[in-house]
Amino acid sequence: MSERNQYALLLSGGGARAAYQLGVLKAIATFLPRNQGIPFPIVCGNSAGAINATGLACYASCYHLGLRKLEWVWKNFHTRQVYDSGIRDVFKHLSSNFLSSFLSEQNQKNPSSLLNNQPLRKLIRSHIDFNRIDNNVARGYLKAISINASSYTSHDSISFYQGQSDIKPWQREQRRGIACTLNSEHLIASSAIPMLFPPVKLLGEFLGDGSVHQLSPLSPAIHLGAEKILVIGVEQPERVSRFTDMNRFPSSIAIAGHLLDTIFADTLKSDLERLERINNTIAHMTHKQRQLTDLKTIDCLVVNPSVNFNEMAAKHFYRMPAGIKILLRMLGLHDKADTSLLSYLLFEKEFCRELIDLGLKDGLARQEELRTFLSI
């Protein structure tokens, strides 16, 4: 696989929306042999995308098998496998954890969050064999995997990576690359959406969702040696103008969805624009000028959904567990609410299967473009 070590896959975050990524990855599998290894030896992920990335890395020697393992989980998902969702569990957690944190901030001993994601920790530990990562690196099927987390302690974006021994750690303004042996806590930290899920204490820092402080989402893949990056994002196809009625203030739930959209989509879009400017600059440089810099051209192909997830999620609101439906309604969220929040939290198999089917459809529609980009 050494000749393919310039290819990287970047999977962005987005909670339940990450099911869409699996559909696009399945589309790529349709034009690969069944015993083919992973076509992108560098894999990077944020938040829920980090979990997908790790699943692929564990089965880097057989791309189809890795997809089948991930697909089985996504197609049989229930919200209760990600966070406690029963009426008693939800409100017990709220009263003993989240609400009490406002009353005793000076004596805060436990992490506070709106939801308890302990079930996700159990799911990851039972379904992901992290020992396979080293085996795939040693056998040459995988160059590196990077999982991103955000530090509430230092405000840095931290890329925890595991891969070939010649990859050196890096330090830039507000971002670091740290070599490590990945485990479930790295994934829990990377997927800890602010306020919704509790931060994770790791290596003397409090860590949360990898997209929060990640101002340069493409950076980890480039540091790991990528020159061609396939990005599967969750940016919605149409941005409807919101908050334009000056007689009505936006609700808290609408603002929460807006903030999540910003965290998971806007920084990636800005980084892609910056990359395009750098590529254009390099194109106008002479050969001698290029030799005097450490700049290099990076090719990117971005696949985003063709359909708005919010409308899809609204149809499945009634499938949410009773405890979560009551909580969300208390916060002002219902099936007609103008917010993105539901599409991040709706880990129900019917919704996830729709997202996978949409990803497959979008991927197949761009099949020739994907084959050309990946040279397969």
Protein backbone atom coordinates (compact mmCIF):
# COMPACT_ATOMS: atom_id res chain seq x y z
CA MET A 1 0.00 0.00 0.00
CA SER A 2 3.04 2.32 0.16
CA GLU A 3 2.27 3.78 -3.27
CA ARG A 4 -1.15 4.87 -1.94
CA ASN A 5 0.15 6.50 1.24
CA GLN A 6 -0.62 9.95 -0.14
CA TYR A 7 -4.38 9.26 0.01
CA ALA A 8 -6.37 10.28 3.08
CA LEU A 9 -9.98 10.12 4.20
CA LEU A 10 -11.41 12.83 6.45
CA LEU A 11 -14.71 12.11 8.20
CA SER A 12 -16.27 15.12 9.89
CA GLY A 13 -18.49 15.05 12.96
CA GLY A 14 -22.22 15.38 13.30
CA GLY A 15 -23.70 12.89 15.75
CA ALA A 16 -26.28 10.66 14.06
CA ARG A 17 -25.59 12.45 10.77
CA ALA A 18 -22.37 10.40 10.50
CA ALA A 19 -24.46 7.49 9.19
CA TYR A 20 -24.43 9.37 5.86
CA GLN A 21 -20.67 8.80 5.63
CA LEU A 22 -21.15 5.05 5.57
CA GLY A 23 -23.36 5.33 2.49
CA VAL A 24 -20.70 7.25 0.55
CA LEU A 25 -18.07 4.73 1.64
CA LYS A 26 -20.34 1.91 0.43
CA ALA A 27 -20.57 3.60 -2.97
CA ILE A 28 -16.77 3.47 -3.21
CA ALA A 29 -16.85 -0.22 -2.30
CA THR A 30 -18.98 -0.97 -5.38
CA PHE A 31 -15.99 -0.47 -7.67
CA LEU A 32 -13.40 -2.25 -5.51
CA PRO A 33 -12.58 -6.00 -5.36
CA ARG A 34 -14.05 -7.78 -2.32
CA ASN A 35 -10.62 -8.54 -0.83
CA GLN A 36 -9.32 -4.98 -1.41
CA GLY A 37 -7.62 -3.18 1.44
CA ILE A 38 -8.65 0.32 2.45
CA PRO A 39 -8.07 2.73 -0.50
CA PHE A 40 -6.97 5.58 1.82
CA PRO A 41 -4.19 4.45 4.21
CA ILE A 42 -4.49 7.72 6.15
CA VAL A 43 -7.79 8.02 8.04
CA CYS A 44 -8.81 11.05 10.09
CA GLY A 45 -12.00 11.60 12.05
CA ASN A 46 -13.77 14.07 14.29
CA SER A 47 -16.59 13.37 16.73
CA ALA A 48 -18.90 10.64 15.37
CA GLY A 49 -16.71 10.57 12.26
CA ALA A 50 -13.84 9.48 14.52
CA ILE A 51 -15.78 6.34 15.44
CA ASN A 52 -16.34 5.51 11.76
CA ALA A 53 -12.67 6.22 11.04
CA THR A 54 -11.53 3.86 13.79
CA GLY A 55 -13.83 1.12 12.55
CA LEU A 56 -12.27 1.40 9.10
CA ALA A 57 -8.74 1.45 10.51
CA CYS A 58 -9.38 -1.74 12.50
CA TYR A 59 -10.27 -3.54 9.24
CA ALA A 60 -7.88 -1.73 6.90
CA SER A 61 -6.80 -5.05 5.37
CA CYS A 62 -10.33 -5.67 4.05
CA TYR A 63 -12.33 -2.57 3.19
CA HIS A 64 -15.58 -4.47 2.54
CA LEU A 65 -15.43 -6.25 5.90
CA GLY A 66 -14.88 -2.99 7.76
CA LEU A 67 -17.91 -1.47 6.06
CA ARG A 68 -20.09 -4.47 6.88
CA LYS A 69 -19.12 -4.21 10.55
CA LEU A 70 -19.97 -0.49 10.64
CA GLU A 71 -23.16 -0.96 8.64
CA TRP A 72 -24.49 -3.57 11.04
CA VAL A 73 -24.12 -1.15 13.95
CA TRP A 74 -25.66 1.85 12.17
CA LYS A 75 -28.55 -0.12 10.68
CA ASN A 76 -29.49 -1.55 14.07
CA PHE A 77 -28.94 1.57 16.16
CA HIS A 78 -31.11 2.73 19.02
CA THR A 79 -30.70 5.99 20.90
CA ARG A 80 -30.33 4.10 24.18
CA GLN A 81 -27.03 2.66 22.85
CA VAL A 82 -25.54 6.16 22.75
CA TYR A 83 -27.02 7.88 25.81
CA ASP A 84 -29.52 7.10 28.56
CA SER A 85 -32.96 7.87 27.18
CA GLY A 86 -35.55 6.38 29.56
CA ILE A 87 -37.71 8.81 31.52
CA ARG A 88 -36.28 7.86 34.91
CA ASP A 89 -32.66 7.81 33.71
CA VAL A 90 -32.89 11.15 31.88
CA PHE A 91 -34.35 13.11 34.77
CA LYS A 92 -32.24 11.37 37.40
CA HIS A 93 -29.15 12.45 35.47
CA LEU A 94 -30.48 15.99 35.11
CA SER A 95 -31.22 16.40 38.80
CA SER A 96 -28.08 14.75 40.15
CA ASN A 97 -25.59 15.99 37.59
CA PHE A 98 -26.52 18.80 35.23
CA LEU A 99 -28.73 21.01 37.41
CA SER A 100 -26.63 20.53 40.56
CA SER A 101 -23.55 21.81 38.72
CA PHE A 102 -25.12 25.28 38.57
CA LEU A 103 -25.61 25.28 42.34
CA SER A 104 -22.15 24.12 43.36
CA GLU A 105 -19.73 25.23 40.68
CA GLN A 106 -16.91 25.73 43.15
CA ASN A 107 -17.16 22.11 44.31
CA GLN A 108 -17.65 20.50 40.91
CA LYS A 109 -16.26 16.97 41.24
CA ASN A 110 -18.07 15.22 38.39
CA PRO A 111 -18.47 16.23 34.73
CA SER A 112 -21.78 17.92 33.96
CA SER A 113 -23.83 17.32 30.84
CA LEU A 114 -27.40 17.32 29.64
CA LEU A 115 -27.18 13.62 28.70
CA ASN A 116 -25.31 10.59 30.02
CA ASN A 117 -23.32 8.92 27.22
CA GLN A 118 -22.05 5.97 29.28
CA PRO A 119 -23.85 3.54 26.91
CA LEU A 120 -21.67 4.80 24.04
CA ARG A 121 -18.55 3.95 26.01
CA LYS A 122 -19.84 0.39 26.47
CA LEU A 123 -20.73 0.13 22.77
CA ILE A 124 -17.27 1.23 21.64
CA ARG A 125 -15.49 -1.14 24.01
CA SER A 126 -17.59 -4.09 22.89
CA HIS A 127 -17.38 -3.49 19.13
CA ILE A 128 -13.93 -2.00 18.43
CA ASP A 129 -10.75 -4.05 18.74
CA PHE A 130 -8.07 -1.37 18.97
CA ASN A 131 -5.29 -4.01 18.83
CA ARG A 132 -6.04 -4.47 15.14
CA ILE A 133 -4.76 -0.95 14.37
CA ASP A 134 -1.13 -1.81 15.15
CA ASN A 135 -1.43 -5.05 13.19
CA ASN A 136 -2.66 -3.20 10.10
CA VAL A 137 0.11 -0.61 10.40
CA ALA A 138 2.75 -3.34 10.71
CA ARG A 139 1.35 -5.17 7.66
CA GLY A 140 1.33 -2.00 5.57
CA TYR A 141 -2.43 -1.68 5.11
CA LEU A 142 -2.63 1.47 7.23
CA LYS A 143 -0.21 4.39 7.42
CA ALA A 144 -1.92 6.29 10.23
CA ILE A 145 -5.19 7.13 11.90
CA SER A 146 -5.85 10.44 13.63
CA ILE A 147 -8.63 11.19 16.11
CA ASN A 148 -9.27 14.81 16.98
CA ALA A 149 -10.31 16.20 20.37
CA SER A 150 -10.57 19.73 21.75
CA SER A 151 -8.94 20.74 25.02
CA TYR A 152 -11.00 22.86 27.39
CA THR A 153 -7.79 23.21 29.43
CA SER A 154 -5.41 24.66 26.79
CA HIS A 155 -7.93 25.58 24.05
CA ASP A 156 -5.83 23.48 21.65
CA SER A 157 -7.05 21.17 18.94
CA ILE A 158 -5.31 17.86 19.66
CA SER A 159 -4.82 15.16 17.04
CA PHE A 160 -4.15 11.82 18.71
CA TYR A 161 -2.58 9.64 16.05
CA GLN A 162 -1.32 6.08 15.75
CA GLY A 163 0.70 4.95 12.78
CA GLN A 164 4.10 4.38 11.22
CA SER A 165 7.08 5.15 13.44
CA ASP A 166 8.54 7.78 11.10
CA ILE A 167 5.60 10.16 11.64
CA LYS A 168 6.72 12.94 13.95
CA PRO A 169 4.52 14.81 16.44
CA TRP A 170 3.74 18.43 15.53
CA GLN A 171 3.05 21.68 17.32
CA ARG A 172 1.39 24.68 15.70
CA GLU A 173 -0.60 27.63 16.98
CA GLN A 174 -3.45 26.09 18.99
CA ARG A 175 -3.06 22.63 17.48
CA ARG A 176 -0.93 19.63 18.36
CA GLY A 177 -0.29 16.14 17.05
CA ILE A 178 0.38 13.54 19.75
CA ALA A 179 1.50 9.98 19.00
CA CYS A 180 -0.32 7.44 21.16
CA THR A 181 -2.01 4.06 21.31
CA LEU A 182 -5.66 4.82 20.72
CA ASN A 183 -8.37 3.52 23.03
CA SER A 184 -12.06 4.06 23.77
CA GLU A 185 -11.44 7.24 25.81
CA HIS A 186 -10.03 9.04 22.77
CA LEU A 187 -13.25 8.31 20.88
CA ILE A 188 -15.48 9.29 23.79
CA ALA A 189 -13.57 12.58 24.10
CA SER A 190 -13.72 13.28 20.37
CA SER A 191 -17.51 12.73 20.29
CA ALA A 192 -18.36 14.64 23.49
CA ILE A 193 -20.60 17.35 21.98
CA PRO A 194 -20.41 20.41 24.31
CA MET A 195 -23.14 20.59 26.97
CA LEU A 196 -24.84 17.46 25.63
CA PHE A 197 -22.13 14.98 26.66
CA PRO A 198 -19.56 15.27 29.49
CA PRO A 199 -15.90 16.14 28.84
CA VAL A 200 -13.24 13.47 29.31
CA LYS A 201 -10.18 13.80 31.53
CA LEU A 202 -7.16 12.51 29.61
CA LEU A 203 -3.42 13.22 29.94
CA GLY A 204 -4.04 15.98 32.46
CA GLU A 205 -6.51 17.87 30.27
CA PHE A 206 -10.29 18.09 29.95
CA LEU A 207 -11.24 17.14 26.41
CA GLY A 208 -14.41 17.51 24.34
CA ASP A 209 -15.71 17.24 20.81
CA GLY A 210 -12.94 17.32 18.22
CA SER A 211 -14.67 19.91 16.03
CA VAL A 212 -14.88 22.66 18.67
CA HIS A 213 -11.33 24.02 18.48
CA GLN A 214 -10.39 22.58 15.11
CA LEU A 215 -9.71 25.68 13.03
CA SER A 216 -7.80 23.64 10.42
CA PRO A 217 -9.64 20.33 9.88
CA LEU A 218 -7.34 19.37 6.97
CA SER A 219 -4.19 19.85 9.05
CA PRO A 220 -3.93 16.36 10.64
CA ALA A 221 -4.16 14.56 7.29
CA ILE A 222 -1.50 16.83 5.78
CA HIS A 223 0.84 16.34 8.75
CA LEU A 224 0.43 12.59 8.33
CA GLY A 225 1.65 12.86 4.73
CA ALA A 226 -1.53 13.21 2.69
CA GLU A 227 -1.49 14.90 -0.70
CA LYS A 228 -4.98 13.83 -1.80
CA ILE A 229 -7.82 14.10 0.73
CA LEU A 230 -11.35 12.78 0.33
CA VAL A 231 -13.65 14.70 2.67
CA ILE A 232 -17.10 13.40 3.58
CA GLY A 233 -18.93 16.23 5.30
CA VAL A 234 -22.38 16.99 6.65
CA GLU A 235 -22.90 20.51 5.31
CA GLN A 236 -26.51 20.92 4.23
CA PRO A 237 -27.26 21.65 0.55
CA GLU A 238 -29.38 24.73 1.20
CA ARG A 239 -29.04 27.24 3.97
CA VAL A 240 -32.47 28.69 4.57
CA SER A 241 -32.37 32.22 5.94
CA ARG A 242 -33.24 32.06 9.60
CA PHE A 243 -34.03 34.55 12.32
CA THR A 244 -35.29 37.14 9.81
CA ASP A 245 -38.56 37.89 11.63
CA MET A 246 -37.52 40.82 13.81
CA ASN A 247 -40.74 40.55 15.81
CA ARG A 248 -39.78 37.15 17.15
CA PHE A 249 -36.54 36.24 18.87
CA PRO A 250 -34.88 32.91 17.94
CA SER A 251 -35.54 30.14 20.47
CA SER A 252 -32.77 28.59 22.54
CA ILE A 253 -33.23 25.28 20.73
CA ALA A 254 -32.89 26.99 17.34
CA ILE A 255 -29.68 28.71 18.47
CA ALA A 256 -28.32 25.39 19.78
CA GLY A 257 -28.83 23.82 16.35
CA HIS A 258 -27.22 26.83 14.69
CA LEU A 259 -24.15 26.49 16.93
CA LEU A 260 -23.78 22.80 16.11
CA ASP A 261 -24.00 23.54 12.38
CA THR A 262 -21.26 26.13 12.84
CA ILE A 263 -19.00 23.76 14.77
CA PHE A 264 -19.34 20.84 12.36
CA ALA A 265 -19.42 22.59 8.98
CA ASP A 266 -18.16 26.17 8.91
CA THR A 267 -14.53 25.61 9.91
CA LEU A 268 -14.12 22.89 7.29
CA LYS A 269 -15.50 25.18 4.62
CA SER A 270 -13.09 27.96 5.64
CA ASP A 271 -10.12 25.57 5.62
CA LEU A 272 -11.01 24.35 2.14
CA GLU A 273 -11.09 27.96 0.90
CA ARG A 274 -7.68 28.57 2.48
CA LEU A 275 -6.31 25.43 0.84
CA GLU A 276 -7.58 26.58 -2.55
CA ARG A 277 -5.79 29.92 -2.15
CA ILE A 278 -2.53 28.16 -1.27
CA ASN A 279 -2.86 25.83 -4.26
CA ASN A 280 -3.45 28.84 -6.54
CA THR A 281 -0.40 30.59 -5.08
CA ILE A 282 1.81 27.55 -5.68
CA ALA A 283 0.53 27.30 -9.26
CA HIS A 284 1.87 30.81 -9.95
CA MET A 285 5.30 30.17 -8.40
CA THR A 286 8.39 29.26 -10.38
CA HIS A 287 10.18 25.97 -9.76
CA LYS A 288 12.92 27.83 -7.87
CA GLN A 289 10.42 29.65 -5.67
CA ARG A 290 8.74 26.37 -4.81
CA GLN A 291 12.05 24.89 -3.71
CA LEU A 292 12.50 27.74 -1.23
CA THR A 293 9.23 26.95 0.57
CA ASP A 294 7.76 23.90 2.28
CA LEU A 295 4.42 24.39 0.54
CA LYS A 296 2.89 21.61 -1.54
CA THR A 297 -0.26 21.25 -3.57
CA ILE A 298 -3.02 19.30 -1.83
CA ASP A 299 -5.94 17.94 -3.86
CA CYS A 300 -9.31 17.65 -2.12
CA LEU A 301 -12.60 16.15 -3.14
CA VAL A 302 -15.59 16.97 -0.93
CA VAL A 303 -18.83 14.97 -0.78
CA ASN A 304 -21.71 16.63 1.06
CA PRO A 305 -25.36 15.50 1.28
CA SER A 306 -27.79 16.43 -1.47
CA VAL A 307 -30.80 16.52 0.86
CA ASN A 308 -31.39 18.51 4.05
CA PHE A 309 -31.09 16.27 7.11
CA ASN A 310 -33.40 18.40 9.24
CA GLU A 311 -36.46 17.59 7.15
CA MET A 312 -35.56 13.89 7.20
CA ALA A 313 -35.12 13.90 10.98
CA ALA A 314 -38.44 15.66 11.65
CA LYS A 315 -40.33 12.71 10.17
CA HIS A 316 -38.75 10.41 12.76
CA PHE A 317 -39.22 12.57 15.86
CA TYR A 318 -41.91 10.22 17.17
CA ARG A 319 -39.35 7.37 17.24
CA MET A 320 -37.28 9.07 19.94
CA PRO A 321 -37.41 7.38 23.37
CA ALA A 322 -39.99 8.81 25.77
CA GLY A 323 -37.49 10.40 28.16
CA ILE A 324 -35.72 12.28 25.38
CA LYS A 325 -38.96 13.40 23.74
CA ILE A 326 -40.17 14.88 27.02
CA LEU A 327 -36.83 16.62 27.60
CA LEU A 328 -36.66 18.01 24.08
CA ARG A 329 -40.24 19.26 24.25
CA MET A 330 -39.42 21.01 27.53
CA LEU A 331 -36.58 22.73 25.67
CA GLY A 332 -38.91 23.69 22.82
CA LEU A 333 -38.01 21.03 20.27
CA HIS A 334 -40.76 19.21 18.40
CA ASP A 335 -41.26 17.83 14.90
CA LYS A 336 -42.07 21.30 13.49
CA ALA A 337 -39.26 23.18 15.26
CA ASP A 338 -36.79 25.06 13.07
CA THR A 339 -33.58 23.54 14.42
CA SER A 340 -30.82 21.14 13.42
CA LEU A 341 -30.50 19.65 16.90
CA LEU A 342 -32.77 16.65 16.29
CA SER A 343 -30.70 15.38 13.35
CA TYR A 344 -27.64 15.20 15.64
CA LEU A 345 -29.39 13.27 18.42
CA LEU A 346 -31.65 10.88 16.48
CA PHE A 347 -29.74 7.60 16.75
CA GLU A 348 -32.67 5.45 15.62
CA LYS A 349 -32.14 2.79 12.97
CA GLU A 350 -34.87 4.03 10.62
CA PHE A 351 -33.28 7.49 10.38
CA CYS A 352 -29.76 6.06 10.15
CA ARG A 353 -30.80 3.75 7.31
CA GLU A 354 -32.24 6.69 5.38
CA LEU A 355 -28.96 8.55 5.79
CA ILE A 356 -26.96 5.53 4.60
CA ASP A 357 -29.20 5.18 1.54
CA LEU A 358 -28.78 8.89 0.79
CA GLY A 359 -24.99 8.62 1.10
CA LEU A 360 -24.96 5.62 -1.24
CA LYS A 361 -27.09 7.50 -3.77
CA ASP A 362 -24.86 10.61 -3.60
CA GLY A 363 -21.71 8.51 -3.86
CA LEU A 364 -22.94 6.56 -6.88
CA ALA A 365 -23.98 9.83 -8.57
CA ARG A 366 -20.34 10.93 -8.31
CA GLN A 367 -18.82 7.54 -9.04
CA GLU A 368 -16.63 8.60 -11.95
CA GLU A 369 -15.37 11.61 -10.04
CA LEU A 370 -14.51 9.43 -7.04
CA ARG A 371 -12.78 6.79 -9.19
CA THR A 372 -10.67 9.41 -10.93
CA PHE A 373 -9.72 11.11 -7.67
CA LEU A 374 -8.79 7.85 -5.95
CA SER A 375 -7.14 6.40 -9.09
CA ILE A 376 -9.12 3.16 -8.83
